Structures are given as C-alpha cells and as structure tokens.
C-alpha atoms as a PDB file:
ATOM      1  CA  UNK A   1      87.930 125.752 140.840  1.00  0.00           C
ATOM      2  CA  UNK A   2      89.067 122.442 140.328  1.00  0.00           C
ATOM      3  CA  UNK A   3      87.130 119.423 141.702  1.00  0.00           C
ATOM      4  CA  UNK A   4      89.720 116.877 143.851  1.00  0.00           C
ATOM      5  CA  UNK A   5      89.720 113.065 142.265  1.00  0.00           C
ATOM      6  CA  UNK A   6      87.262 110.628 143.645  1.00  0.00           C
ATOM      7  CA  UNK A   7      88.829 108.186 146.133  1.00  0.00           C
ATOM      8  CA  UNK A   8      86.460 105.795 145.656  1.00  0.00           C
ATOM      9  CA  UNK A   9      83.388 104.400 143.652  1.00  0.00           C
ATOM     10  CA  UNK A  10      81.194 102.099 144.954  1.00  0.00           C
ATOM     11  CA  UNK A  11      79.000  99.710 143.214  1.00  0.00           C
ATOM     12  CA  UNK A  12      75.715  97.356 144.193  1.00  0.00           C
ATOM     13  CA  UNK A  13      73.111  95.839 142.406  1.00  0.00           C
ATOM     14  CA  UNK A  14      69.640  97.704 142.889  1.00  0.00           C
ATOM     15  CA  UNK A  15      66.912  95.664 145.180  1.00  0.00           C
ATOM     16  CA  UNK A  16      65.146  93.052 143.835  1.00  0.00           C
ATOM     17  CA  UNK A  17      67.165  92.984 140.082  1.00  0.00           C
ATOM     18  CA  UNK A  18      70.581  91.200 139.886  1.00  0.00           C
ATOM     19  CA  UNK A  19      71.830  92.881 136.544  1.00  0.00           C
ATOM     20  CA  UNK A  20      71.004  96.596 137.406  1.00  0.00           C
ATOM     21  CA  UNK A  21      73.013  98.428 139.956  1.00  0.00           C
ATOM     22  CA  UNK A  22      73.914 101.494 141.477  1.00  0.00           C
ATOM     23  CA  UNK A  23      77.522 103.626 141.481  1.00  0.00           C
ATOM     24  CA  UNK A  24      77.632 105.896 144.350  1.00  0.00           C
ATOM     25  CA  UNK A  25      80.538 108.407 143.366  1.00  0.00           C
ATOM     26  CA  UNK A  26      81.011 111.500 145.301  1.00  0.00           C
ATOM     27  CA  UNK A  27      77.517 111.655 146.643  1.00  0.00           C
ATOM     28  CA  UNK A  28      75.677 110.840 143.685  1.00  0.00           C
ATOM     29  CA  UNK A  29      73.948 107.634 142.551  1.00  0.00           C
ATOM     30  CA  UNK A  30      74.493 106.698 139.259  1.00  0.00           C
ATOM     31  CA  UNK A  31      72.160 103.941 137.295  1.00  0.00           C
ATOM     32  CA  UNK A  32      74.303 101.341 135.857  1.00  0.00           C
ATOM     33  CA  UNK A  33      74.057  97.524 133.874  1.00  0.00           C
ATOM     34  CA  UNK A  34      75.627  94.669 135.728  1.00  0.00           C
ATOM     35  CA  UNK A  35      76.509  91.587 134.350  1.00  0.00           C
ATOM     36  CA  UNK A  36      73.840  88.940 133.162  1.00  0.00           C
ATOM     37  CA  UNK A  37      74.713  86.732 136.328  1.00  0.00           C
ATOM     38  CA  UNK A  38      74.475  89.686 138.968  1.00  0.00           C
ATOM     39  CA  UNK A  39      77.681  90.673 141.002  1.00  0.00           C
ATOM     40  CA  UNK A  40      79.514  87.714 142.403  1.00  0.00           C
ATOM     41  CA  UNK A  41      82.682  86.821 144.728  1.00  0.00           C
ATOM     42  CA  UNK A  42      83.740  83.695 142.842  1.00  0.00           C
ATOM     43  CA  UNK A  43      84.408  85.206 139.193  1.00  0.00           C
ATOM     44  CA  UNK A  44      84.801  82.467 136.598  1.00  0.00           C
ATOM     45  CA  UNK A  45      85.812  83.350 133.006  1.00  0.00           C
ATOM     46  CA  UNK A  46      82.536  83.353 130.658  1.00  0.00           C
ATOM     47  CA  UNK A  47      80.051  83.197 133.630  1.00  0.00           C
ATOM     48  CA  UNK A  48      78.560  86.738 132.837  1.00  0.00           C
ATOM     49  CA  UNK A  49      78.794  87.865 136.591  1.00  0.00           C
ATOM     50  CA  UNK A  50      80.091  91.315 137.538  1.00  0.00           C
ATOM     51  CA  UNK A  51      83.475  90.320 140.152  1.00  0.00           C
ATOM     52  CA  UNK A  52      82.961  91.805 143.578  1.00  0.00           C
ATOM     53  CA  UNK A  53      85.743  93.092 145.319  1.00  0.00           C
ATOM     54  CA  UNK A  54      88.412  96.131 145.696  1.00  0.00           C
ATOM     55  CA  UNK A  55      89.707  97.394 142.595  1.00  0.00           C
ATOM     56  CA  UNK A  56      92.075  99.945 141.466  1.00  0.00           C
ATOM     57  CA  UNK A  57      91.395 101.526 138.267  1.00  0.00           C
ATOM     58  CA  UNK A  58      93.780 101.349 135.026  1.00  0.00           C
ATOM     59  CA  UNK A  59      93.996 103.441 132.153  1.00  0.00           C
ATOM     60  CA  UNK A  60      91.229 104.858 129.894  1.00  0.00           C
ATOM     61  CA  UNK A  61      90.528 104.133 126.538  1.00  0.00           C
ATOM     62  CA  UNK A  62      88.647 106.009 123.829  1.00  0.00           C
ATOM     63  CA  UNK A  63      87.835 106.455 120.332  1.00  0.00           C
ATOM     64  CA  UNK A  64      89.302 109.141 119.066  1.00  0.00           C
ATOM     65  CA  UNK A  65      87.093 109.314 115.738  1.00  0.00           C
ATOM     66  CA  UNK A  66      83.795 109.749 117.911  1.00  0.00           C
ATOM     67  CA  UNK A  67      84.499 110.862 121.456  1.00  0.00           C
ATOM     68  CA  UNK A  68      87.219 113.772 122.493  1.00  0.00           C
ATOM     69  CA  UNK A  69      89.979 112.735 124.847  1.00  0.00           C
ATOM     70  CA  UNK A  70      88.822 112.123 128.331  1.00  0.00           C
ATOM     71  CA  UNK A  71      89.715 114.539 131.565  1.00  0.00           C
ATOM     72  CA  UNK A  72      90.401 113.057 134.783  1.00  0.00           C
ATOM     73  CA  UNK A  73      93.683 111.775 136.118  1.00  0.00           C
ATOM     74  CA  UNK A  74      94.269 108.340 135.157  1.00  0.00           C
ATOM     75  CA  UNK A  75      96.391 107.130 132.232  1.00  0.00           C
ATOM     76  CA  UNK A  76      94.832 107.456 128.425  1.00  0.00           C
ATOM     77  CA  UNK A  77      95.017 105.544 125.498  1.00  0.00           C
ATOM     78  CA  UNK A  78      93.628 105.947 121.797  1.00  0.00           C
ATOM     79  CA  UNK A  79      92.428 102.836 120.699  1.00  0.00           C
ATOM     80  CA  UNK A  80      93.135 101.725 117.361  1.00  0.00           C
ATOM     81  CA  UNK A  81      91.577  99.410 115.031  1.00  0.00           C
ATOM     82  CA  UNK A  82      93.660  96.543 115.929  1.00  0.00           C
ATOM     83  CA  UNK A  83      93.138  96.576 119.572  1.00  0.00           C
ATOM     84  CA  UNK A  84      91.634  93.331 121.305  1.00  0.00           C
ATOM     85  CA  UNK A  85      91.643  92.044 124.812  1.00  0.00           C
ATOM     86  CA  UNK A  86      92.798  88.304 125.313  1.00  0.00           C
ATOM     87  CA  UNK A  87      90.506  86.526 126.902  1.00  0.00           C
ATOM     88  CA  UNK A  88      91.376  83.064 126.534  1.00  0.00           C
ATOM     89  CA  UNK A  89      92.574  81.572 129.770  1.00  0.00           C
ATOM     90  CA  UNK A  90      95.080  78.934 128.047  1.00  0.00           C
ATOM     91  CA  UNK A  91      96.831  81.805 126.323  1.00  0.00           C
ATOM     92  CA  UNK A  92     100.117  83.919 128.014  1.00  0.00           C
ATOM     93  CA  UNK A  93      98.120  86.965 127.078  1.00  0.00           C
ATOM     94  CA  UNK A  94      95.329  86.136 128.958  1.00  0.00           C
ATOM     95  CA  UNK A  95      93.600  89.318 130.414  1.00  0.00           C
ATOM     96  CA  UNK A  96      95.775  91.472 129.106  1.00  0.00           C
ATOM     97  CA  UNK A  97      95.848  94.268 125.735  1.00  0.00           C
ATOM     98  CA  UNK A  98      96.737  92.271 122.268  1.00  0.00           C
ATOM     99  CA  UNK A  99      97.363  93.492 118.948  1.00  0.00           C
ATOM    100  CA  UNK A 100      94.680  92.122 115.674  1.00  0.00           C
ATOM    101  CA  UNK A 101      94.552  89.833 114.548  1.00  0.00           C
ATOM    102  CA  UNK A 102      94.805  87.343 117.277  1.00  0.00           C
ATOM    103  CA  UNK A 103      94.406  83.768 117.218  1.00  0.00           C
ATOM    104  CA  UNK A 104      93.239  83.717 120.784  1.00  0.00           C
ATOM    105  CA  UNK A 105      89.998  84.388 121.656  1.00  0.00           C
ATOM    106  CA  UNK A 106      89.675  88.281 122.425  1.00  0.00           C
ATOM    107  CA  UNK A 107      87.303  91.357 122.865  1.00  0.00           C
ATOM    108  CA  UNK A 108      87.634  93.541 120.024  1.00  0.00           C
ATOM    109  CA  UNK A 109      88.540  97.263 121.425  1.00  0.00           C
ATOM    110  CA  UNK A 110      87.273  99.374 118.214  1.00  0.00           C
ATOM    111  CA  UNK A 111      83.337  98.564 118.513  1.00  0.00           C
ATOM    112  CA  UNK A 112      80.799  99.577 115.796  1.00  0.00           C
ATOM    113  CA  UNK A 113      77.911  99.632 118.494  1.00  0.00           C
ATOM    114  CA  UNK A 114      79.856 102.532 120.572  1.00  0.00           C
ATOM    115  CA  UNK A 115      79.891 100.514 123.759  1.00  0.00           C
ATOM    116  CA  UNK A 116      83.592 101.027 123.759  1.00  0.00           C
ATOM    117  CA  UNK A 117      83.814 104.564 122.894  1.00  0.00           C
ATOM    118  CA  UNK A 118      85.024 105.074 126.085  1.00  0.00           C
ATOM    119  CA  UNK A 119      86.450 102.216 128.457  1.00  0.00           C
ATOM    120  CA  UNK A 120      87.801 102.273 132.140  1.00  0.00           C
ATOM    121  CA  UNK A 121      90.178  98.947 132.753  1.00  0.00           C
ATOM    122  CA  UNK A 122      88.924  97.250 136.067  1.00  0.00           C
ATOM    123  CA  UNK A 123      91.894  95.691 137.393  1.00  0.00           C
ATOM    124  CA  UNK A 124      90.333  92.467 138.201  1.00  0.00           C
ATOM    125  CA  UNK A 125      92.621  89.792 138.057  1.00  0.00           C
ATOM    126  CA  UNK A 126      95.285  91.222 137.200  1.00  0.00           C
ATOM    127  CA  UNK A 127      97.941  91.148 139.917  1.00  0.00           C
ATOM    128  CA  UNK A 128      98.223  88.076 140.236  1.00  0.00           C
ATOM    129  CA  UNK A 129      96.545  87.230 136.557  1.00  0.00           C
ATOM    130  CA  UNK A 130      95.076  83.650 137.353  1.00  0.00           C
ATOM    131  CA  UNK A 131      93.808  81.469 134.539  1.00  0.00           C
ATOM    132  CA  UNK A 132      89.806  81.414 133.971  1.00  0.00           C
ATOM    133  CA  UNK A 133      89.109  84.116 137.018  1.00  0.00           C
ATOM    134  CA  UNK A 134      87.667  86.636 134.018  1.00  0.00           C
ATOM    135  CA  UNK A 135      89.240  89.212 131.762  1.00  0.00           C
ATOM    136  CA  UNK A 136      88.388  92.414 130.113  1.00  0.00           C
ATOM    137  CA  UNK A 137      86.253  93.783 133.039  1.00  0.00           C
ATOM    138  CA  UNK A 138      85.771  97.155 132.474  1.00  0.00           C
ATOM    139  CA  UNK A 139      83.249 100.379 133.163  1.00  0.00           C
ATOM    140  CA  UNK A 140      81.973 101.554 129.543  1.00  0.00           C
ATOM    141  CA  UNK A 141      78.845 102.835 128.311  1.00  0.00           C
ATOM    142  CA  UNK A 142      75.268 100.955 128.476  1.00  0.00           C
ATOM    143  CA  UNK A 143      73.676  99.310 125.910  1.00  0.00           C
ATOM    144  CA  UNK A 144      69.710 100.779 125.498  1.00  0.00           C
ATOM    145  CA  UNK A 145      67.504 100.195 128.403  1.00  0.00           C
ATOM    146  CA  UNK A 146      70.461  99.481 130.347  1.00  0.00           C
ATOM    147  CA  UNK A 147      70.768  95.611 129.130  1.00  0.00           C
ATOM    148  CA  UNK A 148      72.949  93.090 130.993  1.00  0.00           C
ATOM    149  CA  UNK A 149      76.274  93.036 130.488  1.00  0.00           C
ATOM    150  CA  UNK A 150      78.777  90.062 130.128  1.00  0.00           C
ATOM    151  CA  UNK A 151      80.521  90.932 133.406  1.00  0.00           C
ATOM    152  CA  UNK A 152      81.233  94.713 133.171  1.00  0.00           C
ATOM    153  CA  UNK A 153      79.472  98.126 134.992  1.00  0.00           C
ATOM    154  CA  UNK A 154      77.879  99.948 132.057  1.00  0.00           C
ATOM    155  CA  UNK A 155      76.823 103.695 132.574  1.00  0.00           C
ATOM    156  CA  UNK A 156      75.122 106.150 130.323  1.00  0.00           C
ATOM    157  CA  UNK A 157      77.812 107.480 128.194  1.00  0.00           C
ATOM    158  CA  UNK A 158      77.276 111.192 129.595  1.00  0.00           C
ATOM    159  CA  UNK A 159      77.515 109.510 132.865  1.00  0.00           C
ATOM    160  CA  UNK A 160      80.807 107.915 132.331  1.00  0.00           C
ATOM    161  CA  UNK A 161      82.548 110.385 130.683  1.00  0.00           C
ATOM    162  CA  UNK A 162      81.550 112.695 133.937  1.00  0.00           C
ATOM    163  CA  UNK A 163      82.680 110.155 136.086  1.00  0.00           C
ATOM    164  CA  UNK A 164      86.228 109.837 134.273  1.00  0.00           C
ATOM    165  CA  UNK A 165      86.956 113.042 134.652  1.00  0.00           C
ATOM    166  CA  UNK A 166      87.002 112.975 138.416  1.00  0.00           C
ATOM    167  CA  UNK A 167      88.694 109.700 138.406  1.00  0.00           C
ATOM    168  CA  UNK A 168      92.408 109.628 139.695  1.00  0.00           C
ATOM    169  CA  UNK A 169      95.221 106.915 140.069  1.00  0.00           C
ATOM    170  CA  UNK A 170      94.790 106.461 143.621  1.00  0.00           C
ATOM    171  CA  UNK A 171      90.719 105.845 142.816  1.00  0.00           C
ATOM    172  CA  UNK A 172      89.135 102.536 143.608  1.00  0.00           C
ATOM    173  CA  UNK A 173      85.947 100.468 142.829  1.00  0.00           C
ATOM    174  CA  UNK A 174      84.219  98.635 145.434  1.00  0.00           C
ATOM    175  CA  UNK A 175      82.051  96.467 144.172  1.00  0.00           C
ATOM    176  CA  UNK A 176      79.702  94.637 146.633  1.00  0.00           C
ATOM    177  CA  UNK A 177      77.710  91.757 146.155  1.00  0.00           C
ATOM    178  CA  UNK A 178      74.945  93.212 148.089  1.00  0.00           C
END
C-alpha cells in the first residue's frame, strides 16, 4: 500500500548543541547535522548558519553512478560532472545551478566525498533571490560523525533516501531556531 507524502518536515537543534539537530518527519525523529553557526533567522552568505524559516523543497539531484534513482514525488535531476551551484552574490546566476567551468564562485555538485550523491534543494532565498542572503542550501548526506555543515541540513544517507521517498511537491521544511 503506498505511503502518503509528508506535508511537513520540522528541523530543530538538539538542546545544548548548536550544530546537531533533529528532523521530525511523519512521527519519526531523525538525527541531523546543522551549519557550524547553528540556526539563524538572519542568514548571510558564508556565515555557516542553517537558515530559519519555512521553505518549499525543489528538485532531488542524484549521482547515477553511485546511487539508484530516488523515489518520491519531487522533480528529479541526475548530477552531471559539469554541474555546479553559484554562490557568488554579485553574479546574475547567484543561488542557481550553473554549468562548469564557471568563473564565479560556486559549489561543485559532482563531489568525491559522497555528500552530494543524493541532494534535495531547500528553496531558501529563491523567490525573491537577494544578494548575500544565502545559497546552495540543501538536504544532503552527513559527514562521518555528523560534523557540522556550511549551512545545510545533513542526514545519514539511508535516512535521507527513506525521507526523499516520502516527499512530494507540497512538502515543506520548517527550520526552527530553537
């Protein structure tokens, strides 16, 4: 029997630790890593904070050479070797996907460390997009030991895959500062 899509994910920090959090989804609590500066309502480019707010979810990106196509109801896109994400506030492509090579500062989506083998766009600073208010905010795989992120929300890869399978176009993520 199919499982209905999750309408809302709630992310909060764990008490006493600004870089460790919990994602509550469908009655389950899932450990996550947060930005090195914790959760902040006043997100700025490069501050290391995970942005507070309620956000839509965009596409799911995946490395087809490493993981099978993800399930769920979000739009999907295979990651190519020349995929990047612009994080240069003064560039017209700021907080958008770009093709590499790209002269502007950017994230590489094709990574060797496995963190971006499966990625969900968190639609932060998208509509409208404002210079310097944050870019490349994703749900992605956590580093070993759940080390802090640069501002994303990171989960164990198996938990991330299970969660993505339950997401749909109406799903939202709420990141609460406390």
